[in-house]
Amino acid sequence: MNFIFRILGAAVAFWVAMQILPGMTINAEGSKYWGTLLVVALIFGVINAIVKPIVEGLSCLFVILTLGLFLLVINAAMLLLTSWLAGQLNVPFHVDNFYPTAFWGAIIISVVTWVLGLFSRD
């Protein structure tokens, strides 16, 4: 049940980010729009579970030297990777560029999922 709540929370976070940033788009309508949001949230979750820890481990020195600010760059890169992988899987989700779209999108998604996580039970 916790897994489903996390995917739904990530989908809501993506929706909020797309409402704020014009560079994040889903080319679907109606029920396909929400289904695509769920698929994108699932792809993002898999990337964050598998790829992100490897990238963070390899860039540990940069994270320490920048006092953690390099994590913002890593989050934006994971969002761009999600966009690329969604394109490879024919999911109509696209992020235009790194800055400002992916950078601010990653921040918005992180904040919204954090706020939604405050309401979940562990």
N, C-alpha and C. Protein backbone atom coordinates (compact mmCIF):
# COMPACT_ATOMS: atom_id res chain seq x y z
N MET A 1 0.83 -1.20 0.00
CA MET A 1 0.00 0.00 0.00
C MET A 1 0.87 1.26 0.00
N ASN A 2 1.99 1.22 0.73
CA ASN A 2 2.91 2.36 0.80
C ASN A 2 3.49 2.66 -0.59
N PHE A 3 3.78 1.59 -1.36
CA PHE A 3 4.32 1.76 -2.71
C PHE A 3 3.32 2.50 -3.60
N ILE A 4 2.06 2.13 -3.52
CA ILE A 4 1.03 2.78 -4.34
C ILE A 4 0.88 4.24 -3.94
N PHE A 5 0.92 4.51 -2.63
CA PHE A 5 0.82 5.89 -2.16
C PHE A 5 1.99 6.73 -2.66
N ARG A 6 3.19 6.15 -2.66
CA ARG A 6 4.36 6.88 -3.13
C ARG A 6 4.27 7.20 -4.63
N ILE A 7 3.79 6.25 -5.41
CA ILE A 7 3.64 6.47 -6.86
C ILE A 7 2.58 7.54 -7.10
N LEU A 8 1.48 7.48 -6.38
CA LEU A 8 0.43 8.51 -6.52
C LEU A 8 0.95 9.88 -6.10
N GLY A 9 1.74 9.92 -5.03
CA GLY A 9 2.33 11.17 -4.58
C GLY A 9 3.29 11.74 -5.61
N ALA A 10 4.10 10.89 -6.22
CA ALA A 10 5.02 11.34 -7.25
C ALA A 10 4.25 11.84 -8.47
N ALA A 11 3.15 11.17 -8.82
CA ALA A 11 2.34 11.62 -9.95
C ALA A 11 1.75 13.01 -9.66
N VAL A 12 1.28 13.22 -8.45
CA VAL A 12 0.76 14.54 -8.07
C VAL A 12 1.88 15.58 -8.14
N ALA A 13 3.08 15.20 -7.69
CA ALA A 13 4.21 16.12 -7.73
C ALA A 13 4.57 16.48 -9.17
N PHE A 14 4.54 15.52 -10.07
CA PHE A 14 4.79 15.80 -11.48
C PHE A 14 3.72 16.73 -12.04
N TRP A 15 2.46 16.49 -11.64
CA TRP A 15 1.37 17.35 -12.12
C TRP A 15 1.58 18.79 -11.66
N VAL A 16 1.95 18.97 -10.39
CA VAL A 16 2.19 20.32 -9.86
C VAL A 16 3.33 20.97 -10.63
N ALA A 17 4.41 20.24 -10.86
CA ALA A 17 5.56 20.79 -11.59
C ALA A 17 5.17 21.19 -13.01
N MET A 18 4.31 20.40 -13.65
CA MET A 18 3.89 20.73 -15.01
C MET A 18 2.95 21.92 -15.05
N GLN A 19 2.24 22.17 -13.97
CA GLN A 19 1.39 23.36 -13.91
C GLN A 19 2.22 24.63 -13.76
N ILE A 20 3.38 24.51 -13.13
CA ILE A 20 4.22 25.68 -12.88
C ILE A 20 5.21 25.93 -14.01
N LEU A 21 5.81 24.86 -14.53
CA LEU A 21 6.87 24.99 -15.54
C LEU A 21 6.34 24.66 -16.93
N PRO A 22 6.48 25.57 -17.89
CA PRO A 22 5.97 25.30 -19.23
C PRO A 22 6.83 24.31 -20.01
N GLY A 23 8.04 24.01 -19.58
CA GLY A 23 8.92 23.12 -20.31
C GLY A 23 8.71 21.65 -20.04
N MET A 24 7.89 21.31 -19.05
CA MET A 24 7.55 19.91 -18.76
C MET A 24 6.17 19.64 -19.33
N THR A 25 6.08 18.67 -20.24
CA THR A 25 4.81 18.43 -20.90
C THR A 25 4.50 16.95 -21.01
N ILE A 26 3.21 16.66 -21.04
CA ILE A 26 2.70 15.34 -21.38
C ILE A 26 1.74 15.55 -22.54
N ASN A 27 1.98 14.84 -23.63
CA ASN A 27 1.14 14.98 -24.82
C ASN A 27 0.06 13.91 -24.81
N ALA A 28 -0.83 14.00 -23.87
CA ALA A 28 -1.96 13.09 -23.77
C ALA A 28 -3.13 13.86 -23.18
N GLU A 29 -4.33 13.31 -23.35
CA GLU A 29 -5.52 13.99 -22.86
C GLU A 29 -6.39 13.02 -22.07
N GLY A 30 -7.22 13.56 -21.21
CA GLY A 30 -8.20 12.78 -20.47
C GLY A 30 -7.58 11.76 -19.55
N SER A 31 -8.12 10.55 -19.60
CA SER A 31 -7.63 9.49 -18.72
C SER A 31 -6.23 9.05 -19.10
N LYS A 32 -5.85 9.20 -20.36
CA LYS A 32 -4.48 8.86 -20.77
C LYS A 32 -3.47 9.80 -20.12
N TYR A 33 -3.88 11.03 -19.85
CA TYR A 33 -2.99 11.99 -19.20
C TYR A 33 -2.61 11.48 -17.81
N TRP A 34 -3.60 11.06 -17.04
CA TRP A 34 -3.32 10.59 -15.67
C TRP A 34 -2.61 9.25 -15.68
N GLY A 35 -2.92 8.40 -16.64
CA GLY A 35 -2.19 7.14 -16.77
C GLY A 35 -0.73 7.38 -17.12
N THR A 36 -0.50 8.36 -18.00
CA THR A 36 0.87 8.71 -18.36
C THR A 36 1.61 9.28 -17.16
N LEU A 37 0.93 10.10 -16.36
CA LEU A 37 1.54 10.62 -15.13
C LEU A 37 1.96 9.49 -14.20
N LEU A 38 1.14 8.47 -14.07
CA LEU A 38 1.49 7.34 -13.21
C LEU A 38 2.69 6.57 -13.76
N VAL A 39 2.73 6.39 -15.08
CA VAL A 39 3.86 5.70 -15.70
C VAL A 39 5.14 6.50 -15.52
N VAL A 40 5.07 7.81 -15.72
CA VAL A 40 6.25 8.67 -15.54
C VAL A 40 6.71 8.63 -14.09
N ALA A 41 5.79 8.66 -13.14
CA ALA A 41 6.15 8.57 -11.73
C ALA A 41 6.81 7.23 -11.42
N LEU A 42 6.35 6.17 -12.04
CA LEU A 42 6.95 4.86 -11.85
C LEU A 42 8.37 4.81 -12.43
N ILE A 43 8.54 5.36 -13.63
CA ILE A 43 9.87 5.42 -14.25
C ILE A 43 10.81 6.24 -13.37
N PHE A 44 10.34 7.38 -12.89
CA PHE A 44 11.15 8.24 -12.03
C PHE A 44 11.54 7.52 -10.74
N GLY A 45 10.61 6.77 -10.18
CA GLY A 45 10.90 6.01 -8.97
C GLY A 45 11.95 4.93 -9.19
N VAL A 46 11.87 4.24 -10.31
CA VAL A 46 12.85 3.20 -10.63
C VAL A 46 14.23 3.81 -10.84
N ILE A 47 14.28 4.93 -11.56
CA ILE A 47 15.56 5.61 -11.78
C ILE A 47 16.14 6.09 -10.46
N ASN A 48 15.31 6.65 -9.59
CA ASN A 48 15.79 7.12 -8.30
C ASN A 48 16.23 5.97 -7.40
N ALA A 49 15.67 4.79 -7.59
CA ALA A 49 16.05 3.65 -6.77
C ALA A 49 17.31 2.95 -7.27
N ILE A 50 17.54 2.98 -8.58
CA ILE A 50 18.66 2.22 -9.15
C ILE A 50 19.83 3.12 -9.55
N VAL A 51 19.56 4.13 -10.35
CA VAL A 51 20.64 4.95 -10.92
C VAL A 51 21.15 6.01 -9.95
N LYS A 52 20.24 6.67 -9.26
CA LYS A 52 20.63 7.79 -8.40
C LYS A 52 21.64 7.42 -7.32
N PRO A 53 21.50 6.30 -6.61
CA PRO A 53 22.53 5.97 -5.61
C PRO A 53 23.92 5.76 -6.22
N ILE A 54 23.97 5.21 -7.42
CA ILE A 54 25.26 5.01 -8.09
C ILE A 54 25.89 6.35 -8.43
N VAL A 55 25.09 7.26 -9.00
CA VAL A 55 25.59 8.59 -9.37
C VAL A 55 26.02 9.36 -8.12
N GLU A 56 25.24 9.27 -7.06
CA GLU A 56 25.60 9.96 -5.82
C GLU A 56 26.90 9.40 -5.24
N GLY A 57 27.08 8.10 -5.32
CA GLY A 57 28.31 7.51 -4.82
C GLY A 57 29.53 7.94 -5.62
N LEU A 58 29.37 8.01 -6.94
CA LEU A 58 30.47 8.42 -7.80
C LEU A 58 30.80 9.91 -7.66
N SER A 59 29.81 10.71 -7.29
CA SER A 59 30.03 12.15 -7.19
C SER A 59 30.11 12.62 -5.74
N CYS A 60 30.43 11.72 -4.86
CA CYS A 60 30.47 12.03 -3.43
C CYS A 60 31.38 13.22 -3.12
N LEU A 61 32.51 13.30 -3.78
CA LEU A 61 33.44 14.40 -3.54
C LEU A 61 32.81 15.74 -3.90
N PHE A 62 32.11 15.79 -5.06
CA PHE A 62 31.45 17.04 -5.46
C PHE A 62 30.35 17.44 -4.49
N VAL A 63 29.63 16.45 -3.99
CA VAL A 63 28.57 16.73 -3.02
C VAL A 63 29.15 17.33 -1.75
N ILE A 64 30.26 16.77 -1.30
CA ILE A 64 30.90 17.28 -0.08
C ILE A 64 31.47 18.68 -0.32
N LEU A 65 32.15 18.87 -1.44
CA LEU A 65 32.76 20.16 -1.73
C LEU A 65 31.74 21.28 -1.90
N THR A 66 30.56 20.95 -2.39
CA THR A 66 29.53 21.98 -2.60
C THR A 66 28.53 22.01 -1.45
N LEU A 67 28.85 21.31 -0.38
CA LEU A 67 27.97 21.26 0.81
C LEU A 67 26.57 20.76 0.46
N GLY A 68 26.49 19.82 -0.46
CA GLY A 68 25.22 19.19 -0.82
C GLY A 68 24.49 19.83 -1.98
N LEU A 69 24.94 20.99 -2.44
CA LEU A 69 24.22 21.65 -3.54
C LEU A 69 24.32 20.86 -4.84
N PHE A 70 25.35 20.03 -4.99
CA PHE A 70 25.47 19.23 -6.21
C PHE A 70 24.34 18.21 -6.31
N LEU A 71 23.69 17.89 -5.19
CA LEU A 71 22.54 16.99 -5.22
C LEU A 71 21.40 17.57 -6.06
N LEU A 72 21.30 18.90 -6.11
CA LEU A 72 20.28 19.52 -6.97
C LEU A 72 20.56 19.22 -8.44
N VAL A 73 21.82 19.22 -8.81
CA VAL A 73 22.21 18.90 -10.18
C VAL A 73 21.91 17.43 -10.47
N ILE A 74 22.19 16.56 -9.51
CA ILE A 74 21.91 15.13 -9.69
C ILE A 74 20.41 14.90 -9.84
N ASN A 75 19.59 15.56 -9.02
CA ASN A 75 18.14 15.42 -9.15
C ASN A 75 17.64 15.88 -10.51
N ALA A 76 18.18 17.00 -11.00
CA ALA A 76 17.79 17.48 -12.32
C ALA A 76 18.21 16.50 -13.40
N ALA A 77 19.39 15.92 -13.25
CA ALA A 77 19.85 14.92 -14.23
C ALA A 77 18.95 13.69 -14.22
N MET A 78 18.47 13.28 -13.05
CA MET A 78 17.56 12.14 -12.96
C MET A 78 16.22 12.45 -13.65
N LEU A 79 15.79 13.71 -13.56
CA LEU A 79 14.56 14.11 -14.24
C LEU A 79 14.76 14.10 -15.76
N LEU A 80 15.91 14.55 -16.22
CA LEU A 80 16.21 14.48 -17.66
C LEU A 80 16.32 13.03 -18.12
N LEU A 81 16.91 12.18 -17.30
CA LEU A 81 17.01 10.76 -17.64
C LEU A 81 15.62 10.14 -17.71
N THR A 82 14.74 10.55 -16.83
CA THR A 82 13.35 10.08 -16.87
C THR A 82 12.68 10.49 -18.18
N SER A 83 12.91 11.73 -18.60
CA SER A 83 12.34 12.21 -19.86
C SER A 83 12.89 11.41 -21.04
N TRP A 84 14.19 11.14 -21.03
CA TRP A 84 14.80 10.39 -22.12
C TRP A 84 14.27 8.96 -22.16
N LEU A 85 14.22 8.31 -21.00
CA LEU A 85 13.74 6.93 -20.94
C LEU A 85 12.27 6.84 -21.31
N ALA A 86 11.48 7.82 -20.90
CA ALA A 86 10.06 7.84 -21.29
C ALA A 86 9.94 7.94 -22.80
N GLY A 87 10.78 8.74 -23.43
CA GLY A 87 10.78 8.83 -24.89
C GLY A 87 11.14 7.52 -25.55
N GLN A 88 12.09 6.79 -24.97
CA GLN A 88 12.48 5.49 -25.50
C GLN A 88 11.37 4.46 -25.36
N LEU A 89 10.53 4.62 -24.35
CA LEU A 89 9.42 3.71 -24.10
C LEU A 89 8.11 4.20 -24.73
N ASN A 90 8.18 5.24 -25.55
CA ASN A 90 7.02 5.84 -26.22
C ASN A 90 5.98 6.38 -25.24
N VAL A 91 6.44 6.88 -24.13
CA VAL A 91 5.57 7.56 -23.16
C VAL A 91 5.66 9.04 -23.49
N PRO A 92 4.54 9.72 -23.73
CA PRO A 92 4.58 11.11 -24.21
C PRO A 92 4.89 12.14 -23.11
N PHE A 93 6.04 12.01 -22.49
CA PHE A 93 6.50 12.95 -21.46
C PHE A 93 7.81 13.56 -21.95
N HIS A 94 7.93 14.89 -21.75
CA HIS A 94 9.14 15.56 -22.23
C HIS A 94 9.53 16.70 -21.30
N VAL A 95 10.84 16.80 -21.03
CA VAL A 95 11.42 17.92 -20.31
C VAL A 95 12.32 18.64 -21.29
N ASP A 96 12.11 19.94 -21.49
CA ASP A 96 12.81 20.68 -22.53
C ASP A 96 14.32 20.77 -22.34
N ASN A 97 14.77 21.23 -21.19
CA ASN A 97 16.20 21.48 -21.02
C ASN A 97 16.58 21.35 -19.56
N PHE A 98 17.90 21.45 -19.31
CA PHE A 98 18.39 21.29 -17.94
C PHE A 98 17.99 22.46 -17.06
N TYR A 99 18.37 23.67 -17.50
CA TYR A 99 18.03 24.85 -16.71
C TYR A 99 17.17 25.76 -17.55
N PRO A 100 16.06 26.18 -17.11
CA PRO A 100 15.50 26.09 -15.77
C PRO A 100 14.57 24.91 -15.56
N THR A 101 14.16 24.22 -16.63
CA THR A 101 13.07 23.26 -16.51
C THR A 101 13.41 22.07 -15.60
N ALA A 102 14.45 21.33 -15.91
CA ALA A 102 14.77 20.14 -15.12
C ALA A 102 15.21 20.53 -13.71
N PHE A 103 15.98 21.60 -13.60
CA PHE A 103 16.49 22.03 -12.30
C PHE A 103 15.35 22.40 -11.36
N TRP A 104 14.50 23.32 -11.79
CA TRP A 104 13.38 23.74 -10.94
C TRP A 104 12.32 22.66 -10.83
N GLY A 105 12.15 21.87 -11.89
CA GLY A 105 11.20 20.76 -11.83
C GLY A 105 11.58 19.76 -10.77
N ALA A 106 12.87 19.44 -10.68
CA ALA A 106 13.33 18.50 -9.67
C ALA A 106 13.11 19.06 -8.26
N ILE A 107 13.32 20.35 -8.10
CA ILE A 107 13.09 20.97 -6.79
C ILE A 107 11.61 20.92 -6.43
N ILE A 108 10.76 21.27 -7.38
CA ILE A 108 9.31 21.26 -7.12
C ILE A 108 8.84 19.86 -6.80
N ILE A 109 9.29 18.87 -7.57
CA ILE A 109 8.88 17.48 -7.34
C ILE A 109 9.36 17.02 -5.97
N SER A 110 10.58 17.36 -5.60
CA SER A 110 11.10 16.97 -4.29
C SER A 110 10.30 17.58 -3.15
N VAL A 111 9.98 18.86 -3.27
CA VAL A 111 9.24 19.54 -2.20
C VAL A 111 7.82 18.98 -2.09
N VAL A 112 7.15 18.78 -3.21
CA VAL A 112 5.77 18.28 -3.17
C VAL A 112 5.73 16.85 -2.62
N THR A 113 6.66 15.98 -3.05
CA THR A 113 6.66 14.62 -2.50
C THR A 113 7.02 14.61 -1.02
N TRP A 114 7.87 15.54 -0.59
CA TRP A 114 8.19 15.65 0.83
C TRP A 114 6.96 16.06 1.62
N VAL A 115 6.23 17.06 1.13
CA VAL A 115 5.03 17.52 1.82
C VAL A 115 3.98 16.41 1.87
N LEU A 116 3.80 15.70 0.77
CA LEU A 116 2.84 14.60 0.75
C LEU A 116 3.29 13.47 1.66
N GLY A 117 4.60 13.27 1.77
CA GLY A 117 5.12 12.24 2.66
C GLY A 117 4.87 12.53 4.12
N LEU A 118 4.68 13.79 4.45
CA LEU A 118 4.36 14.14 5.84
C LEU A 118 3.00 13.59 6.27
N PHE A 119 2.13 13.34 5.28
CA PHE A 119 0.80 12.85 5.58
C PHE A 119 0.70 11.34 5.55
N SER A 120 1.78 10.64 5.18
CA SER A 120 1.72 9.18 5.11
C SER A 120 2.17 8.57 6.43
N ARG A 121 1.70 7.37 6.65
CA ARG A 121 2.08 6.63 7.84
C ARG A 121 3.27 5.75 7.48
N ASP A 122 4.24 5.66 8.36
CA ASP A 122 5.38 4.75 8.14
C ASP A 122 5.19 3.48 8.92
